[in-house]
Amino acid sequence: MGIFDKLFGTKKKISENNESPDNTKLIRLLEKYGKSRTQENYGKAIEEIMYGNSMLVLSSINDGAAKDNWETLEKGSTLKLTSVFDQDGLKVLGAFTSPENLVKWTGKETEYTAMKGKDVVDFCQAHGIDRVVIDSDLPTMFVLERNRENIHTETIQEETQVTVGTPMKPISGNLLKKFQSNFSKVSVIKEVYHYAMVRNNESILMLGFVLDTYSDNSRAACIGTVQNSMEGEKLELPLEMFMLNDEGWLQTVKGIEDSLIYKK
């Protein structure tokens, strides 16, 4: 039995078996970031998660009896995770640096799957999970967020002159189906409207969202649907999102012919 087994017990599966993971460096970096939340410390922790020899523990339901050896998950295997949560439409995964920390969170012994850090990130990208919270409420707590650096927020001032109407070249075909499929995966999206806006002499394609609740998490979830849908795609005009939480704006957009493209 190796050092990893001695530290982390027997109820386990692992995604890769090339080399036994070691979380010593990761835990040290997470503790350092917890004490000094600098961009440099954050980057070092990210680098270890993505490219180091660390692993993350995920609460799961494992088939069969617990075993004393590590297993390699076959390609296409189904992971039955029990720590994925919906926070205003945003999918959040709870992960841990050790089974002991998982038990502190659950309050009881539980089954788990251990995965290399990069595998966890790849899994989240493949399954629409936009946030990973590591070691929640512990000194090693760390939050991984989806990159939204290409998203800019702008408030339309009351004096800004805008014109809205039907787009000359609306989103259609397979791209529209991609959007509709991604909208359906977010629990708080009630309706989405597609229309054109001219603002400051610039023509823009718009997606207007009607949500069950408006929060930072729900907005982030909506941004994720746009990012997922536009991956590998191009439009002739800029594409912007608009939260239709103002009744006046909502009624205006509803009045645009064929503007409704998704309804829950």
Protein backbone atom coordinates (compact mmCIF):
# COMPACT_ATOMS: atom_id res chain seq x y z
CA MET A 1 0.00 0.00 0.00
CA GLY A 2 1.50 3.34 -1.07
CA ILE A 3 1.60 6.62 0.82
CA PHE A 4 -1.49 7.85 -1.04
CA ASP A 5 -3.47 4.83 0.17
CA LYS A 6 -2.25 5.34 3.74
CA LEU A 7 -3.40 8.93 3.71
CA PHE A 8 -6.70 8.58 1.97
CA GLY A 9 -8.27 5.23 2.80
CA THR A 10 -10.03 2.62 0.72
CA LYS A 11 -13.43 3.75 -0.60
CA LYS A 12 -12.02 5.18 -3.80
CA LYS A 13 -11.76 5.27 -7.56
CA ILE A 14 -9.30 7.30 -9.61
CA SER A 15 -9.44 8.59 -13.16
CA GLU A 16 -5.80 7.92 -14.07
CA ASN A 17 -3.24 5.49 -12.75
CA ASN A 18 -0.06 6.77 -14.38
CA GLU A 19 1.37 8.08 -11.13
CA SER A 20 0.01 8.21 -7.61
CA PRO A 21 -1.10 11.82 -7.00
CA ASP A 22 0.36 13.82 -4.13
CA ASN A 23 -1.48 16.82 -2.71
CA THR A 24 1.33 18.09 -0.48
CA LYS A 25 2.25 20.94 -2.83
CA LEU A 26 -1.36 21.83 -3.64
CA ILE A 27 -2.36 22.09 0.02
CA ARG A 28 0.66 24.27 0.74
CA LEU A 29 -0.25 26.60 -2.15
CA LEU A 30 -3.92 26.77 -1.11
CA GLU A 31 -2.96 27.62 2.46
CA LYS A 32 -0.61 30.33 1.17
CA TYR A 33 -3.37 31.79 -1.00
CA GLY A 34 -5.77 31.72 1.95
CA LYS A 35 -3.35 33.88 3.93
CA SER A 36 -2.43 36.20 1.05
CA ARG A 37 -4.98 36.42 -1.77
CA THR A 38 -2.69 37.80 -4.45
CA GLN A 39 -2.95 37.13 -8.17
CA GLU A 40 0.48 35.48 -8.05
CA ASN A 41 -0.59 33.01 -5.34
CA TYR A 42 -3.85 32.32 -7.17
CA GLY A 43 -1.95 31.60 -10.39
CA LYS A 44 0.44 29.19 -8.67
CA ALA A 45 -2.49 27.23 -7.21
CA ILE A 46 -4.20 27.10 -10.61
CA GLU A 47 -1.00 25.86 -12.23
CA GLU A 48 -0.67 23.04 -9.70
CA ILE A 49 -4.30 22.01 -10.18
CA MET A 50 -4.02 22.03 -13.97
CA TYR A 51 -0.50 20.73 -14.53
CA GLY A 52 0.79 19.32 -11.25
CA ASN A 53 0.46 15.88 -9.69
CA SER A 54 -2.45 16.82 -7.44
CA MET A 55 -5.91 15.33 -7.24
CA LEU A 56 -9.35 16.40 -6.05
CA VAL A 57 -11.86 14.30 -4.14
CA LEU A 58 -15.47 14.36 -5.36
CA SER A 59 -18.39 12.95 -3.39
CA SER A 60 -19.92 10.18 -5.49
CA ILE A 61 -21.98 7.01 -5.54
CA ASN A 62 -19.69 4.14 -6.47
CA ASP A 63 -20.95 0.83 -7.80
CA GLY A 64 -19.90 -2.27 -5.92
CA ALA A 65 -18.08 -2.81 -2.65
CA ALA A 66 -15.20 -0.65 -1.49
CA LYS A 67 -11.79 -1.91 -2.59
CA ASP A 68 -8.25 -1.49 -1.27
CA ASN A 69 -6.74 -0.76 -4.68
CA TRP A 70 -6.97 2.18 -7.04
CA GLU A 71 -9.08 1.71 -10.15
CA THR A 72 -8.84 3.43 -13.51
CA LEU A 73 -12.16 4.67 -14.85
CA GLU A 74 -12.76 3.42 -18.36
CA LYS A 75 -13.41 5.96 -21.09
CA GLY A 76 -17.13 6.72 -21.22
CA SER A 77 -17.72 5.67 -17.60
CA THR A 78 -20.54 7.46 -15.80
CA LEU A 79 -19.65 9.42 -12.66
CA LYS A 80 -22.49 9.61 -10.14
CA LEU A 81 -21.45 12.77 -8.32
CA THR A 82 -23.40 13.97 -5.28
CA SER A 83 -21.77 17.37 -4.85
CA VAL A 84 -23.04 19.30 -7.90
CA PHE A 85 -25.41 22.10 -6.96
CA ASP A 86 -27.59 24.61 -8.75
CA GLN A 87 -27.12 28.16 -7.46
CA ASP A 88 -29.59 30.35 -9.35
CA GLY A 89 -28.95 28.36 -12.51
CA LEU A 90 -25.17 28.22 -12.09
CA LYS A 91 -23.81 24.68 -11.73
CA VAL A 92 -21.31 24.47 -8.88
CA LEU A 93 -19.13 21.46 -8.03
CA GLY A 94 -17.88 20.86 -4.51
CA ALA A 95 -14.40 19.29 -4.44
CA PHE A 96 -11.92 18.53 -1.68
CA THR A 97 -8.21 18.02 -1.21
CA SER A 98 -8.73 14.94 0.97
CA PRO A 99 -11.47 12.54 2.08
CA GLU A 100 -11.01 13.94 5.60
CA ASN A 101 -12.04 17.37 4.37
CA LEU A 102 -14.96 15.82 2.52
CA VAL A 103 -16.13 14.21 5.79
CA LYS A 104 -15.86 17.56 7.57
CA TRP A 105 -18.25 18.95 4.97
CA THR A 106 -20.70 16.02 4.82
CA GLY A 107 -20.55 15.21 8.53
CA LYS A 108 -20.32 11.50 7.78
CA GLU A 109 -18.18 8.95 5.97
CA THR A 110 -19.06 8.90 2.30
CA GLU A 111 -17.95 7.35 -0.96
CA TYR A 112 -15.87 9.41 -3.31
CA THR A 113 -14.02 9.52 -6.60
CA ALA A 114 -10.50 10.97 -6.80
CA MET A 115 -9.51 12.67 -10.05
CA LYS A 116 -6.44 14.51 -11.24
CA GLY A 117 -7.01 18.27 -11.07
CA LYS A 118 -6.92 18.75 -14.83
CA ASP A 119 -9.41 15.91 -15.30
CA VAL A 120 -11.81 17.70 -12.95
CA VAL A 121 -11.50 20.91 -14.98
CA ASP A 122 -12.04 18.99 -18.24
CA PHE A 123 -15.06 17.23 -16.72
CA CYS A 124 -16.58 20.56 -15.68
CA GLN A 125 -16.07 22.05 -19.13
CA ALA A 126 -17.73 19.02 -20.73
CA HIS A 127 -20.73 19.12 -18.38
CA GLY A 128 -21.45 22.84 -18.14
CA ILE A 129 -20.14 23.30 -14.60
CA ASP A 130 -18.93 26.90 -14.31
CA ARG A 131 -17.60 26.98 -10.74
CA VAL A 132 -15.59 24.59 -8.55
CA VAL A 133 -15.40 25.26 -4.82
CA ILE A 134 -12.49 23.40 -3.20
CA ASP A 135 -12.51 22.71 0.58
CA SER A 136 -15.51 24.90 1.33
CA ASP A 137 -15.20 26.92 4.58
CA LEU A 138 -11.73 25.53 5.34
CA PRO A 139 -8.34 27.32 5.42
CA THR A 140 -7.58 25.74 2.03
CA MET A 141 -10.82 26.99 0.43
CA PHE A 142 -10.32 27.93 -3.22
CA VAL A 143 -12.75 28.86 -5.99
CA LEU A 144 -12.23 28.09 -9.67
CA GLU A 145 -14.39 30.16 -12.02
CA ARG A 146 -14.93 29.98 -15.73
CA ASN A 147 -12.93 32.62 -17.61
CA ARG A 148 -15.18 35.56 -18.48
CA GLU A 149 -12.48 38.05 -19.46
CA ASN A 150 -14.08 38.52 -22.88
CA ILE A 151 -17.37 39.64 -21.28
CA HIS A 152 -17.93 43.36 -20.72
CA THR A 153 -20.81 44.87 -18.75
CA GLU A 154 -22.37 48.14 -19.89
CA THR A 155 -25.29 50.07 -18.40
CA ILE A 156 -27.54 51.84 -20.90
CA GLN A 157 -28.06 55.37 -19.59
CA GLU A 158 -31.55 56.85 -19.72
CA GLU A 159 -30.48 59.56 -22.17
CA THR A 160 -28.96 57.02 -24.60
CA GLN A 161 -30.94 56.87 -27.85
CA VAL A 162 -31.57 53.29 -28.97
CA THR A 163 -33.74 51.68 -31.62
CA VAL A 164 -34.84 48.05 -31.48
CA GLY A 165 -36.41 45.82 -34.10
CA THR A 166 -36.19 42.57 -36.05
CA PRO A 167 -32.63 41.60 -37.11
CA MET A 168 -31.90 41.55 -40.84
CA LYS A 169 -29.77 38.43 -40.29
CA PRO A 170 -31.00 36.78 -37.09
CA ILE A 171 -29.37 33.83 -35.38
CA SER A 172 -30.86 30.78 -37.09
CA GLY A 173 -30.34 27.18 -38.12
CA ASN A 174 -27.98 24.98 -36.14
CA LEU A 175 -26.60 27.91 -34.16
CA LEU A 176 -30.08 28.79 -32.94
CA LYS A 177 -30.59 25.15 -31.92
CA LYS A 178 -27.32 25.27 -29.96
CA PHE A 179 -28.51 28.34 -28.10
CA GLN A 180 -31.91 26.81 -27.35
CA SER A 181 -30.30 23.60 -26.11
CA ASN A 182 -27.96 25.51 -23.79
CA PHE A 183 -30.78 27.75 -22.52
CA SER A 184 -32.74 24.63 -21.55
CA LYS A 185 -29.89 23.50 -19.27
CA VAL A 186 -30.17 26.57 -17.02
CA SER A 187 -33.01 26.23 -14.52
CA VAL A 188 -33.70 29.95 -14.02
CA ILE A 189 -34.06 30.92 -17.70
CA LYS A 190 -37.77 31.41 -18.42
CA GLU A 191 -37.67 33.13 -21.80
CA VAL A 192 -35.10 34.46 -24.26
CA TYR A 193 -35.79 37.09 -26.91
CA HIS A 194 -33.64 37.80 -29.97
CA TYR A 195 -33.74 41.23 -31.58
CA ALA A 196 -31.58 43.95 -33.09
CA MET A 197 -30.54 47.20 -31.45
CA VAL A 198 -28.98 50.33 -32.90
CA ARG A 199 -27.09 52.25 -30.23
CA ASN A 200 -24.78 55.17 -30.92
CA ASN A 201 -25.05 54.36 -34.64
CA GLU A 202 -23.83 50.79 -34.03
CA SER A 203 -25.93 47.76 -35.00
CA ILE A 204 -25.96 44.98 -32.41
CA LEU A 205 -27.61 41.57 -32.12
CA MET A 206 -29.31 41.17 -28.76
CA LEU A 207 -30.36 38.28 -26.53
CA GLY A 208 -32.82 39.40 -23.88
CA PHE A 209 -33.20 37.11 -20.86
CA VAL A 210 -36.23 36.73 -18.59
CA LEU A 211 -35.20 34.87 -15.43
CA ASP A 212 -36.88 33.42 -12.36
CA THR A 213 -34.35 35.32 -10.28
CA TYR A 214 -31.73 37.94 -11.09
CA SER A 215 -28.42 37.56 -9.28
CA ASP A 216 -24.70 37.41 -9.99
CA ASN A 217 -24.97 33.63 -10.25
CA SER A 218 -27.92 33.65 -12.65
CA ARG A 219 -26.21 36.23 -14.86
CA ALA A 220 -23.04 34.13 -14.87
CA ALA A 221 -25.10 31.10 -15.89
CA CYS A 222 -26.58 33.06 -18.81
CA ILE A 223 -23.11 34.19 -19.89
CA GLY A 224 -22.09 30.53 -19.89
CA THR A 225 -24.90 29.63 -22.30
CA VAL A 226 -23.70 32.29 -24.74
CA GLN A 227 -20.05 31.24 -24.44
CA ASN A 228 -20.92 27.57 -24.97
CA SER A 229 -23.14 28.35 -27.95
CA MET A 230 -20.67 30.68 -29.67
CA GLU A 231 -17.68 28.36 -29.34
CA GLY A 232 -16.32 27.93 -32.86
CA GLU A 233 -18.99 30.25 -34.31
CA LYS A 234 -18.87 33.75 -35.81
CA LEU A 235 -21.50 36.44 -36.38
CA GLU A 236 -21.33 39.46 -38.65
CA LEU A 237 -22.51 41.79 -35.87
CA PRO A 238 -21.58 42.07 -32.18
CA LEU A 239 -23.73 39.97 -29.83
CA GLU A 240 -24.87 41.36 -26.49
CA MET A 241 -26.98 40.11 -23.58
CA PHE A 242 -29.68 42.10 -21.84
CA MET A 243 -31.53 41.26 -18.64
CA LEU A 244 -35.21 42.01 -19.18
CA ASN A 245 -36.04 42.62 -15.52
CA ASP A 246 -37.57 46.00 -16.38
CA GLU A 247 -41.23 45.64 -17.34
CA GLY A 248 -41.05 48.49 -19.85
CA TRP A 249 -38.15 46.92 -21.71
CA LEU A 250 -39.80 43.50 -21.58
CA GLN A 251 -43.02 44.75 -23.16
CA THR A 252 -41.06 46.61 -25.85
CA VAL A 253 -39.10 43.50 -26.78
CA LYS A 254 -42.22 41.32 -26.71
CA GLY A 255 -43.70 43.64 -29.31
CA ILE A 256 -40.96 42.81 -31.82
CA GLU A 257 -42.18 40.25 -34.35
CA ASP A 258 -40.79 36.72 -33.87
CA SER A 259 -38.47 37.89 -31.08
CA LEU A 260 -39.22 34.98 -28.72
CA ILE A 261 -36.72 32.19 -29.44
CA TYR A 262 -36.91 30.18 -26.21
CA LYS A 263 -39.56 29.53 -23.58
CA LYS A 264 -39.21 27.11 -20.66
